[in-house]
């Protein structure tokens, strides 16, 4: 469906990430809440979770 989009040259298509399981999603939410309450949640950390570069501890 989205394969027919005209993507300008020079723009790389990001790989699709698998959707985390419900249990993984709950762990991610708990970790984000913990970081927010501790004042440690930054845009960089949020981006790491959203791109799959960071997993909940």
Protein backbone atom coordinates (compact mmCIF):
# COMPACT_ATOMS: atom_id res chain seq x y z
CA UNK A 1 0.00 0.00 0.00
CA UNK A 2 2.72 2.49 0.96
CA UNK A 3 5.18 1.02 -1.56
CA UNK A 4 3.89 3.35 -4.28
CA UNK A 5 4.91 6.55 -2.47
CA UNK A 6 7.30 8.79 -4.33
CA UNK A 7 10.22 9.18 -1.94
CA UNK A 8 12.70 11.86 -3.05
CA UNK A 9 16.19 10.69 -3.92
CA UNK A 10 18.71 10.88 -1.10
CA UNK A 11 16.16 10.09 1.59
CA UNK A 12 16.72 6.68 3.12
CA UNK A 13 13.72 4.59 4.08
CA UNK A 14 13.98 3.53 7.71
CA UNK A 15 13.53 -0.16 8.40
CA UNK A 16 10.19 -1.15 9.89
CA UNK A 17 10.36 -2.18 13.52
CA UNK A 18 8.32 -5.06 14.86
CA UNK A 19 5.54 -4.01 17.22
CA UNK A 20 6.55 -4.88 20.80
CA UNK A 21 4.40 -7.44 22.58
CA UNK A 22 1.84 -6.16 25.07
CA UNK A 23 4.16 -7.18 27.92
CA UNK A 24 7.07 -5.31 26.34
CA UNK A 25 4.86 -2.25 25.84
CA UNK A 26 3.94 -2.29 29.53
CA UNK A 27 7.61 -2.48 30.48
CA UNK A 28 8.45 0.43 28.17
CA UNK A 29 5.65 2.57 29.63
CA UNK A 30 6.76 1.76 33.18
CA UNK A 31 10.37 2.65 32.34
CA UNK A 32 9.33 5.93 30.68
CA UNK A 33 7.20 6.85 33.71
CA UNK A 34 10.09 6.01 36.05
CA UNK A 35 12.50 8.15 34.04
CA UNK A 36 10.00 11.01 33.90
CA UNK A 37 9.41 10.93 37.66
CA UNK A 38 13.17 10.92 38.27
CA UNK A 39 13.57 13.90 35.92
CA UNK A 40 15.78 11.82 33.63
CA UNK A 41 13.53 11.53 30.57
CA UNK A 42 15.09 13.42 27.68
CA UNK A 43 14.08 13.69 24.02
CA UNK A 44 17.12 11.55 23.18
CA UNK A 45 16.04 8.74 25.51
CA UNK A 46 12.48 8.89 24.18
CA UNK A 47 13.83 8.67 20.62
CA UNK A 48 15.92 5.61 21.57
CA UNK A 49 12.80 3.82 22.81
CA UNK A 50 10.77 4.81 19.73
CA UNK A 51 13.47 3.62 17.32
CA UNK A 52 14.16 0.34 19.12
CA UNK A 53 17.71 1.35 20.06
CA UNK A 54 16.84 1.13 23.76
CA UNK A 55 14.90 -1.54 25.63
CA UNK A 56 13.44 -1.29 29.14
CA UNK A 57 15.88 -2.26 31.89
